[in-house]
C-alpha atoms as a PDB file:
ATOM      1  CA  UNK A   1     -56.709-111.902   8.102  1.00  0.00           C
ATOM      2  CA  UNK A   2     -58.975-114.002   9.106  1.00  0.00           C
ATOM      3  CA  UNK A   3     -62.096-113.686  10.747  1.00  0.00           C
ATOM      4  CA  UNK A   4     -60.494-114.192  14.046  1.00  0.00           C
ATOM      5  CA  UNK A   5     -57.831-111.879  13.785  1.00  0.00           C
ATOM      6  CA  UNK A   6     -60.311-109.180  13.131  1.00  0.00           C
ATOM      7  CA  UNK A   7     -62.671-110.067  16.020  1.00  0.00           C
ATOM      8  CA  UNK A   8     -59.012-109.643  18.196  1.00  0.00           C
ATOM      9  CA  UNK A   9     -58.206-106.469  16.578  1.00  0.00           C
ATOM     10  CA  UNK A  10     -62.451-105.137  17.629  1.00  0.00           C
ATOM     11  CA  UNK A  11     -62.229-106.695  21.353  1.00  0.00           C
ATOM     12  CA  UNK A  12     -58.980-105.059  21.624  1.00  0.00           C
ATOM     13  CA  UNK A  13     -60.107-101.563  20.650  1.00  0.00           C
ATOM     14  CA  UNK A  14     -63.339-102.159  22.502  1.00  0.00           C
ATOM     15  CA  UNK A  15     -60.687-103.011  25.546  1.00  0.00           C
ATOM     16  CA  UNK A  16     -58.769 -99.897  25.017  1.00  0.00           C
ATOM     17  CA  UNK A  17     -61.989 -97.828  24.894  1.00  0.00           C
ATOM     18  CA  UNK A  18     -63.285 -99.530  28.008  1.00  0.00           C
ATOM     19  CA  UNK A  19     -59.772 -98.601  29.874  1.00  0.00           C
ATOM     20  CA  UNK A  20     -59.998 -95.246  28.255  1.00  0.00           C
ATOM     21  CA  UNK A  21     -63.539 -94.118  29.811  1.00  0.00           C
ATOM     22  CA  UNK A  22     -62.697 -96.085  33.366  1.00  0.00           C
ATOM     23  CA  UNK A  23     -59.237 -94.003  33.404  1.00  0.00           C
ATOM     24  CA  UNK A  24     -61.161 -90.599  33.265  1.00  0.00           C
ATOM     25  CA  UNK A  25     -62.963 -91.357  36.445  1.00  0.00           C
ATOM     26  CA  UNK A  26     -59.809 -92.659  38.129  1.00  0.00           C
ATOM     27  CA  UNK A  27     -58.224 -89.523  37.551  1.00  0.00           C
ATOM     28  CA  UNK A  28     -60.517 -87.451  38.539  1.00  0.00           C
ATOM     29  CA  UNK A  29     -61.195 -89.380  41.867  1.00  0.00           C
ATOM     30  CA  UNK A  30     -57.540 -89.074  42.721  1.00  0.00           C
ATOM     31  CA  UNK A  31     -57.236 -85.213  42.130  1.00  0.00           C
ATOM     32  CA  UNK A  32     -60.480 -85.390  45.055  1.00  0.00           C
ATOM     33  CA  UNK A  33     -58.279 -87.286  47.079  1.00  0.00           C
ATOM     34  CA  UNK A  34     -55.221 -84.881  46.731  1.00  0.00           C
ATOM     35  CA  UNK A  35     -57.728 -81.853  47.598  1.00  0.00           C
ATOM     36  CA  UNK A  36     -58.734 -84.028  50.595  1.00  0.00           C
ATOM     37  CA  UNK A  37     -55.234 -84.432  51.669  1.00  0.00           C
ATOM     38  CA  UNK A  38     -54.229 -80.772  51.248  1.00  0.00           C
ATOM     39  CA  UNK A  39     -57.731 -79.691  52.785  1.00  0.00           C
ATOM     40  CA  UNK A  40     -56.600 -81.968  55.920  1.00  0.00           C
ATOM     41  CA  UNK A  41     -53.110 -80.830  56.171  1.00  0.00           C
ATOM     42  CA  UNK A  42     -54.130 -77.196  56.363  1.00  0.00           C
ATOM     43  CA  UNK A  43     -56.888 -78.310  58.911  1.00  0.00           C
ATOM     44  CA  UNK A  44     -53.953 -79.714  60.815  1.00  0.00           C
ATOM     45  CA  UNK A  45     -51.841 -77.142  61.075  1.00  0.00           C
ATOM     46  CA  UNK A  46     -54.603 -74.859  61.764  1.00  0.00           C
ATOM     47  CA  UNK A  47     -55.620 -76.518  64.802  1.00  0.00           C
ATOM     48  CA  UNK A  48     -52.186 -77.081  66.598  1.00  0.00           C
ATOM     49  CA  UNK A  49     -51.902 -73.074  67.300  1.00  0.00           C
ATOM     50  CA  UNK A  50     -55.428 -72.855  68.060  1.00  0.00           C
ATOM     51  CA  UNK A  51     -55.059 -76.040  70.720  1.00  0.00           C
ATOM     52  CA  UNK A  52     -51.811 -73.864  72.105  1.00  0.00           C
ATOM     53  CA  UNK A  53     -53.374 -71.428  72.525  1.00  0.00           C
ATOM     54  CA  UNK A  54     -56.569 -73.046  74.559  1.00  0.00           C
ATOM     55  CA  UNK A  55     -53.751 -74.636  76.755  1.00  0.00           C
ATOM     56  CA  UNK A  56     -52.439 -71.363  78.043  1.00  0.00           C
ATOM     57  CA  UNK A  57     -55.733 -69.761  78.285  1.00  0.00           C
ATOM     58  CA  UNK A  58     -56.844 -72.860  80.013  1.00  0.00           C
ATOM     59  CA  UNK A  59     -53.237 -72.569  82.167  1.00  0.00           C
ATOM     60  CA  UNK A  60     -54.709 -69.323  83.069  1.00  0.00           C
ATOM     61  CA  UNK A  61     -58.193 -69.796  83.896  1.00  0.00           C
ATOM     62  CA  UNK A  62     -56.889 -72.278  86.751  1.00  0.00           C
ATOM     63  CA  UNK A  63     -54.930 -69.349  87.785  1.00  0.00           C
ATOM     64  CA  UNK A  64     -57.402 -66.826  88.057  1.00  0.00           C
ATOM     65  CA  UNK A  65     -59.530 -69.946  89.536  1.00  0.00           C
ATOM     66  CA  UNK A  66     -56.955 -70.333  92.423  1.00  0.00           C
ATOM     67  CA  UNK A  67     -57.034 -66.435  93.029  1.00  0.00           C
ATOM     68  CA  UNK A  68     -60.529 -66.537  93.132  1.00  0.00           C
ATOM     69  CA  UNK A  69     -60.269 -69.014  95.979  1.00  0.00           C
ATOM     70  CA  UNK A  70     -57.816 -67.783  97.843  1.00  0.00           C
ATOM     71  CA  UNK A  71     -59.783 -64.227  97.865  1.00  0.00           C
ATOM     72  CA  UNK A  72     -62.957 -66.221  98.884  1.00  0.00           C
ATOM     73  CA  UNK A  73     -61.347 -67.703 101.613  1.00  0.00           C
ATOM     74  CA  UNK A  74     -60.028 -64.533 102.751  1.00  0.00           C
ATOM     75  CA  UNK A  75     -63.986 -63.173 102.618  1.00  0.00           C
ATOM     76  CA  UNK A  76     -65.250 -66.244 104.944  1.00  0.00           C
ATOM     77  CA  UNK A  77     -62.452 -65.577 107.765  1.00  0.00           C
ATOM     78  CA  UNK A  78     -63.494 -62.016 107.263  1.00  0.00           C
ATOM     79  CA  UNK A  79     -67.255 -62.606 107.186  1.00  0.00           C
ATOM     80  CA  UNK A  80     -66.301 -65.155 110.802  1.00  0.00           C
ATOM     81  CA  UNK A  81     -64.146 -62.367 112.335  1.00  0.00           C
ATOM     82  CA  UNK A  82     -67.234 -59.869 112.076  1.00  0.00           C
ATOM     83  CA  UNK A  83     -69.635 -62.206 113.338  1.00  0.00           C
ATOM     84  CA  UNK A  84     -67.394 -63.118 116.094  1.00  0.00           C
ATOM     85  CA  UNK A  85     -66.963 -58.822 116.483  1.00  0.00           C
ATOM     86  CA  UNK A  86     -70.649 -58.289 116.546  1.00  0.00           C
ATOM     87  CA  UNK A  87     -71.381 -61.344 119.480  1.00  0.00           C
ATOM     88  CA  UNK A  88     -68.929 -59.708 121.178  1.00  0.00           C
ATOM     89  CA  UNK A  89     -70.082 -56.192 120.779  1.00  0.00           C
ATOM     90  CA  UNK A  90     -73.713 -57.365 122.016  1.00  0.00           C
ATOM     91  CA  UNK A  91     -72.462 -59.104 124.539  1.00  0.00           C
ATOM     92  CA  UNK A  92     -70.519 -56.467 125.897  1.00  0.00           C
ATOM     93  CA  UNK A  93     -72.301 -53.368 125.339  1.00  0.00           C
ATOM     94  CA  UNK A  94     -75.490 -54.886 124.999  1.00  0.00           C
ATOM     95  CA  UNK A  95     -76.094 -56.280 128.799  1.00  0.00           C
ATOM     96  CA  UNK A  96     -74.911 -52.967 130.236  1.00  0.00           C
ATOM     97  CA  UNK A  97     -77.598 -51.049 128.193  1.00  0.00           C
ATOM     98  CA  UNK A  98     -80.059 -53.344 128.722  1.00  0.00           C
ATOM     99  CA  UNK A  99     -79.617 -53.018 132.569  1.00  0.00           C
ATOM    100  CA  UNK A 100     -79.196 -49.450 132.241  1.00  0.00           C
ATOM    101  CA  UNK A 101     -82.751 -49.290 130.564  1.00  0.00           C
ATOM    102  CA  UNK A 102     -84.190 -51.239 132.864  1.00  0.00           C
ATOM    103  CA  UNK A 103     -82.936 -48.961 135.846  1.00  0.00           C
ATOM    104  CA  UNK A 104     -84.359 -45.955 134.106  1.00  0.00           C
ATOM    105  CA  UNK A 105     -87.635 -47.426 133.805  1.00  0.00           C
ATOM    106  CA  UNK A 106     -87.187 -48.331 137.149  1.00  0.00           C
ATOM    107  CA  UNK A 107     -86.320 -44.786 138.088  1.00  0.00           C
ATOM    108  CA  UNK A 108     -89.248 -43.405 136.362  1.00  0.00           C
ATOM    109  CA  UNK A 109     -91.619 -45.533 138.205  1.00  0.00           C
ATOM    110  CA  UNK A 110     -90.647 -44.751 141.105  1.00  0.00           C
ATOM    111  CA  UNK A 111     -90.589 -40.855 140.405  1.00  0.00           C
ATOM    112  CA  UNK A 112     -94.149 -41.473 139.081  1.00  0.00           C
ATOM    113  CA  UNK A 113     -94.983 -43.122 142.312  1.00  0.00           C
ATOM    114  CA  UNK A 114     -93.890 -40.426 144.217  1.00  0.00           C
ATOM    115  CA  UNK A 115     -95.642 -37.719 142.114  1.00  0.00           C
ATOM    116  CA  UNK A 116     -98.872 -39.637 142.585  1.00  0.00           C
ATOM    117  CA  UNK A 117     -98.151 -40.332 146.612  1.00  0.00           C
ATOM    118  CA  UNK A 118     -97.489 -36.419 146.928  1.00  0.00           C
ATOM    119  CA  UNK A 119    -100.663 -35.819 144.922  1.00  0.00           C
ATOM    120  CA  UNK A 120    -102.623 -38.332 147.155  1.00  0.00           C
ATOM    121  CA  UNK A 121    -101.502 -36.489 150.254  1.00  0.00           C
ATOM    122  CA  UNK A 122    -102.067 -32.884 149.211  1.00  0.00           C
ATOM    123  CA  UNK A 123    -105.942 -33.755 148.335  1.00  0.00           C
ATOM    124  CA  UNK A 124    -106.002 -35.908 151.564  1.00  0.00           C
ATOM    125  CA  UNK A 125    -104.725 -32.958 153.783  1.00  0.00           C
ATOM    126  CA  UNK A 126    -107.127 -30.548 151.703  1.00  0.00           C
ATOM    127  CA  UNK A 127    -104.320 -28.817 149.959  1.00  0.00           C
ATOM    128  CA  UNK A 128    -104.393 -27.698 146.136  1.00  0.00           C
ATOM    129  CA  UNK A 129    -102.378 -30.071 144.320  1.00  0.00           C
ATOM    130  CA  UNK A 130     -99.213 -28.174 142.765  1.00  0.00           C
ATOM    131  CA  UNK A 131     -99.613 -27.078 139.215  1.00  0.00           C
ATOM    132  CA  UNK A 132     -97.483 -28.751 136.613  1.00  0.00           C
ATOM    133  CA  UNK A 133     -96.321 -26.639 133.867  1.00  0.00           C
ATOM    134  CA  UNK A 134     -96.810 -28.211 129.993  1.00  0.00           C
ATOM    135  CA  UNK A 135     -96.481 -26.591 126.961  1.00  0.00           C
ATOM    136  CA  UNK A 136    -100.050 -27.404 125.848  1.00  0.00           C
ATOM    137  CA  UNK A 137    -101.625 -26.320 128.923  1.00  0.00           C
ATOM    138  CA  UNK A 138     -99.943 -23.547 129.051  1.00  0.00           C
ATOM    139  CA  UNK A 139    -100.778 -22.522 125.138  1.00  0.00           C
ATOM    140  CA  UNK A 140    -104.394 -23.054 126.426  1.00  0.00           C
ATOM    141  CA  UNK A 141    -103.803 -20.664 128.860  1.00  0.00           C
ATOM    142  CA  UNK A 142    -103.156 -17.923 126.738  1.00  0.00           C
ATOM    143  CA  UNK A 143    -105.866 -18.023 124.309  1.00  0.00           C
END
């Protein structure tokens, strides 16, 4: 063996050790890639049912919102009907009640003026004014 052969053998040994040192991290990196692939598969298998359930949930929520929309329209219609009914009631009953109140006030004013005129006639003719009975004057006389 010559010096060149020995140098070739040493270089080949160093190269083999170098390949061995590089192979260990590459094998570990391959294991990491395998675990990553398995994790991604598990996540995608778990997401598929979740997405299906969320789709069903959104569809049911949309159905309920449609029902609420119908209920809201009905409430709006009822509110409009009640408003119209109150306006009709106020127009049909309120007017006559106001007229009745005005009439009763006029009758009261007329009766008051008749009493005042009668008392004025009694004073002019020197008659005693008629006594009015009231709860306060009657109770004062008894004391």
